[in-house]
Amino acid sequence: MGLAAALATAPAFAERISAPEGAKAYIIAPTDGSTVSNPVTIWFGLQGMGVAPAGVEKEKTGHHHLLIDVEPSSIDMDNPLPADDNHQHFGGGQTEVTLDLPAGTHKLILLLGDHNHVPHDPPIMSDPITITVE
């Protein structure tokens, strides 16, 4: 069973893991308003927590998810994040990605997930950045 199928059949989680005070996710690069060419490398930042792979339950850790052109209000914060082209999972503990994006303007947001891909409470989410791909 693939990640998308496993997440689609996962039960709702009764309690989200509390976020440590002051924890913050942010996008190091590219910077907001940048015009870039493919392939685009995106560097992930995290303050006040550590990165651990999905499935590893360790206090004050999580792993990154990159939201591409996703409105945060559309996310069900009580369940595992979906896995698709707009909700990219980095369950191996990756802190950067290089990918090809369609030409045009894109909104990027980092959202930390716990060992089960569920956002913390409150969510540890970066400020959105907008980039233009030539």
C-alpha atoms as a PDB file:
ATOM      1  CA  MET A   1       0.000   0.000   0.000  1.00  0.00           C
ATOM      2  CA  GLY A   2       1.361   3.408  -0.973  1.00  0.00           C
ATOM      3  CA  LEU A   3       1.571   6.445   1.309  1.00  0.00           C
ATOM      4  CA  ALA A   4      -1.524   8.086  -0.196  1.00  0.00           C
ATOM      5  CA  ALA A   5      -3.620   4.945   0.317  1.00  0.00           C
ATOM      6  CA  ALA A   6      -2.345   4.453   3.865  1.00  0.00           C
ATOM      7  CA  LEU A   7      -3.138   8.054   4.774  1.00  0.00           C
ATOM      8  CA  ALA A   8      -6.586   7.856   3.187  1.00  0.00           C
ATOM      9  CA  THR A   9      -7.493   4.861   5.343  1.00  0.00           C
ATOM     10  CA  ALA A  10      -5.818   6.067   8.552  1.00  0.00           C
ATOM     11  CA  PRO A  11      -8.179   6.651  11.477  1.00  0.00           C
ATOM     12  CA  ALA A  12      -8.754  10.114  12.918  1.00  0.00           C
ATOM     13  CA  PHE A  13      -6.395  10.920  15.749  1.00  0.00           C
ATOM     14  CA  ALA A  14      -7.979  11.827  19.073  1.00  0.00           C
ATOM     15  CA  GLU A  15      -5.255  14.178  20.261  1.00  0.00           C
ATOM     16  CA  ARG A  16      -2.666  16.227  18.441  1.00  0.00           C
ATOM     17  CA  ILE A  17       0.819  16.601  19.882  1.00  0.00           C
ATOM     18  CA  SER A  18       1.425  19.974  21.517  1.00  0.00           C
ATOM     19  CA  ALA A  19       3.891  22.250  19.772  1.00  0.00           C
ATOM     20  CA  PRO A  20       6.764  23.507  21.909  1.00  0.00           C
ATOM     21  CA  GLU A  21       6.480  27.202  22.694  1.00  0.00           C
ATOM     22  CA  GLY A  22       8.380  29.284  20.169  1.00  0.00           C
ATOM     23  CA  ALA A  23       8.691  26.510  17.566  1.00  0.00           C
ATOM     24  CA  LYS A  24       8.762  27.916  14.064  1.00  0.00           C
ATOM     25  CA  ALA A  25       9.033  26.556  10.519  1.00  0.00           C
ATOM     26  CA  TYR A  26      10.305  28.804   7.760  1.00  0.00           C
ATOM     27  CA  ILE A  27      11.540  28.695   4.181  1.00  0.00           C
ATOM     28  CA  ILE A  28      15.198  29.687   3.972  1.00  0.00           C
ATOM     29  CA  ALA A  29      15.289  29.948   0.181  1.00  0.00           C
ATOM     30  CA  PRO A  30      14.024  30.977  -2.232  1.00  0.00           C
ATOM     31  CA  THR A  31      12.914  34.248  -0.706  1.00  0.00           C
ATOM     32  CA  ASP A  32       9.437  35.716  -0.960  1.00  0.00           C
ATOM     33  CA  GLY A  33       8.871  37.396  -4.313  1.00  0.00           C
ATOM     34  CA  SER A  34      11.766  35.612  -6.059  1.00  0.00           C
ATOM     35  CA  THR A  35      11.734  34.760  -9.746  1.00  0.00           C
ATOM     36  CA  VAL A  36      13.366  31.362 -10.267  1.00  0.00           C
ATOM     37  CA  SER A  37      14.034  28.822 -13.006  1.00  0.00           C
ATOM     38  CA  ASN A  38      13.578  25.061 -12.894  1.00  0.00           C
ATOM     39  CA  PRO A  39      14.768  23.045 -11.180  1.00  0.00           C
ATOM     40  CA  VAL A  40      13.867  24.948  -8.001  1.00  0.00           C
ATOM     41  CA  THR A  41      15.683  24.107  -4.760  1.00  0.00           C
ATOM     42  CA  ILE A  42      13.737  24.891  -1.593  1.00  0.00           C
ATOM     43  CA  TRP A  43      15.567  24.881   1.772  1.00  0.00           C
ATOM     44  CA  PHE A  44      13.506  24.225   4.911  1.00  0.00           C
ATOM     45  CA  GLY A  45      14.176  25.860   8.263  1.00  0.00           C
ATOM     46  CA  LEU A  46      13.023  24.875  11.743  1.00  0.00           C
ATOM     47  CA  GLN A  47      13.563  26.624  15.064  1.00  0.00           C
ATOM     48  CA  GLY A  48      12.868  25.257  18.551  1.00  0.00           C
ATOM     49  CA  MET A  49      12.455  21.637  17.420  1.00  0.00           C
ATOM     50  CA  GLY A  50      14.353  18.849  15.730  1.00  0.00           C
ATOM     51  CA  VAL A  51      13.644  16.889  12.584  1.00  0.00           C
ATOM     52  CA  ALA A  52      12.877  13.170  12.835  1.00  0.00           C
ATOM     53  CA  PRO A  53      11.637  10.794  10.142  1.00  0.00           C
ATOM     54  CA  ALA A  54       7.968   9.867   9.937  1.00  0.00           C
ATOM     55  CA  GLY A  55       7.180   6.961  12.227  1.00  0.00           C
ATOM     56  CA  VAL A  56       9.763   8.041  14.820  1.00  0.00           C
ATOM     57  CA  GLU A  57       7.963   9.284  17.913  1.00  0.00           C
ATOM     58  CA  LYS A  58      10.389  11.550  19.733  1.00  0.00           C
ATOM     59  CA  GLU A  59       9.525  14.581  21.856  1.00  0.00           C
ATOM     60  CA  LYS A  60       9.913  18.001  20.210  1.00  0.00           C
ATOM     61  CA  THR A  61      10.430  16.620  16.714  1.00  0.00           C
ATOM     62  CA  GLY A  62       8.536  16.393  13.463  1.00  0.00           C
ATOM     63  CA  HIS A  63       9.087  16.286   9.737  1.00  0.00           C
ATOM     64  CA  HIS A  64       8.403  18.755   6.952  1.00  0.00           C
ATOM     65  CA  HIS A  65       5.532  18.907   4.493  1.00  0.00           C
ATOM     66  CA  LEU A  66       5.645  21.390   1.626  1.00  0.00           C
ATOM     67  CA  LEU A  67       2.300  22.850   0.640  1.00  0.00           C
ATOM     68  CA  ILE A  68       2.256  24.116  -2.944  1.00  0.00           C
ATOM     69  CA  ASP A  69      -0.652  26.396  -3.852  1.00  0.00           C
ATOM     70  CA  VAL A  70      -2.676  25.132  -0.865  1.00  0.00           C
ATOM     71  CA  GLU A  71      -4.823  27.346   1.345  1.00  0.00           C
ATOM     72  CA  PRO A  72      -4.092  26.458   4.989  1.00  0.00           C
ATOM     73  CA  SER A  73      -7.795  26.809   5.820  1.00  0.00           C
ATOM     74  CA  SER A  74      -8.472  23.785   3.578  1.00  0.00           C
ATOM     75  CA  ILE A  75      -6.339  21.468   5.738  1.00  0.00           C
ATOM     76  CA  ASP A  76      -7.908  19.114   8.269  1.00  0.00           C
ATOM     77  CA  MET A  77      -5.427  19.653  11.105  1.00  0.00           C
ATOM     78  CA  ASP A  78      -6.801  16.680  13.092  1.00  0.00           C
ATOM     79  CA  ASN A  79      -5.800  14.038  10.548  1.00  0.00           C
ATOM     80  CA  PRO A  80      -2.712  13.004   8.580  1.00  0.00           C
ATOM     81  CA  LEU A  81      -1.878  15.403   5.779  1.00  0.00           C
ATOM     82  CA  PRO A  82      -2.750  14.200   2.284  1.00  0.00           C
ATOM     83  CA  ALA A  83       0.062  13.102  -0.009  1.00  0.00           C
ATOM     84  CA  ASP A  84      -0.081  14.482  -3.541  1.00  0.00           C
ATOM     85  CA  ASP A  85       1.653  16.988  -5.800  1.00  0.00           C
ATOM     86  CA  ASN A  86       0.367  19.892  -3.680  1.00  0.00           C
ATOM     87  CA  HIS A  87       1.050  18.275  -0.275  1.00  0.00           C
ATOM     88  CA  GLN A  88       4.583  16.915  -0.465  1.00  0.00           C
ATOM     89  CA  HIS A  89       5.843  14.758   2.403  1.00  0.00           C
ATOM     90  CA  PHE A  90       9.441  14.632   3.591  1.00  0.00           C
ATOM     91  CA  GLY A  91       9.069  11.720   5.976  1.00  0.00           C
ATOM     92  CA  GLY A  92      12.719  10.785   5.638  1.00  0.00           C
ATOM     93  CA  GLY A  93      13.649  13.912   7.585  1.00  0.00           C
ATOM     94  CA  GLN A  94      14.749  15.867   4.509  1.00  0.00           C
ATOM     95  CA  THR A  95      15.422  19.579   4.920  1.00  0.00           C
ATOM     96  CA  GLU A  96      15.494  20.556   1.257  1.00  0.00           C
ATOM     97  CA  VAL A  97      14.029  19.512  -2.066  1.00  0.00           C
ATOM     98  CA  THR A  98      14.795  20.207  -5.711  1.00  0.00           C
ATOM     99  CA  LEU A  99      11.799  19.977  -7.996  1.00  0.00           C
ATOM    100  CA  ASP A 100      10.314  21.218 -11.236  1.00  0.00           C
ATOM    101  CA  LEU A 101       7.301  23.483 -10.863  1.00  0.00           C
ATOM    102  CA  PRO A 102       5.023  24.608 -13.685  1.00  0.00           C
ATOM    103  CA  ALA A 103       5.765  28.077 -15.028  1.00  0.00           C
ATOM    104  CA  GLY A 104       3.833  30.768 -13.185  1.00  0.00           C
ATOM    105  CA  THR A 105       3.296  32.044  -9.668  1.00  0.00           C
ATOM    106  CA  HIS A 106       3.191  29.613  -6.726  1.00  0.00           C
ATOM    107  CA  LYS A 107       2.529  29.945  -3.004  1.00  0.00           C
ATOM    108  CA  LEU A 108       4.765  27.768  -0.800  1.00  0.00           C
ATOM    109  CA  ILE A 109       4.194  26.943   2.877  1.00  0.00           C
ATOM    110  CA  LEU A 110       6.007  24.532   5.198  1.00  0.00           C
ATOM    111  CA  LEU A 111       3.905  22.617   7.708  1.00  0.00           C
ATOM    112  CA  LEU A 112       5.497  20.346  10.284  1.00  0.00           C
ATOM    113  CA  GLY A 113       3.870  17.003  10.974  1.00  0.00           C
ATOM    114  CA  ASP A 114       4.323  14.588  13.851  1.00  0.00           C
ATOM    115  CA  HIS A 115       5.390  10.947  13.462  1.00  0.00           C
ATOM    116  CA  ASN A 116       1.949  10.215  11.946  1.00  0.00           C
ATOM    117  CA  HIS A 117       1.916  13.213   9.524  1.00  0.00           C
ATOM    118  CA  VAL A 118      -0.563  15.080  11.763  1.00  0.00           C
ATOM    119  CA  PRO A 119       0.102  18.811  12.347  1.00  0.00           C
ATOM    120  CA  HIS A 120       1.022  19.856  15.896  1.00  0.00           C
ATOM    121  CA  ASP A 121      -1.269  21.911  18.127  1.00  0.00           C
ATOM    122  CA  PRO A 122      -0.970  24.749  17.342  1.00  0.00           C
ATOM    123  CA  PRO A 123       0.325  24.050  13.822  1.00  0.00           C
ATOM    124  CA  ILE A 124       3.991  24.777  13.174  1.00  0.00           C
ATOM    125  CA  MET A 125       3.581  26.477   9.829  1.00  0.00           C
ATOM    126  CA  SER A 126       5.801  28.890   7.936  1.00  0.00           C
ATOM    127  CA  ASP A 127       4.666  32.206   6.616  1.00  0.00           C
ATOM    128  CA  PRO A 128       3.727  31.720   2.977  1.00  0.00           C
ATOM    129  CA  ILE A 129       6.103  32.839   0.288  1.00  0.00           C
ATOM    130  CA  THR A 130       5.236  33.504  -3.338  1.00  0.00           C
ATOM    131  CA  ILE A 131       7.662  32.654  -6.119  1.00  0.00           C
ATOM    132  CA  THR A 132       7.431  32.999  -9.872  1.00  0.00           C
ATOM    133  CA  VAL A 133       8.836  30.209 -12.011  1.00  0.00           C
ATOM    134  CA  GLU A 134      10.031  31.344 -15.462  1.00  0.00           C
END
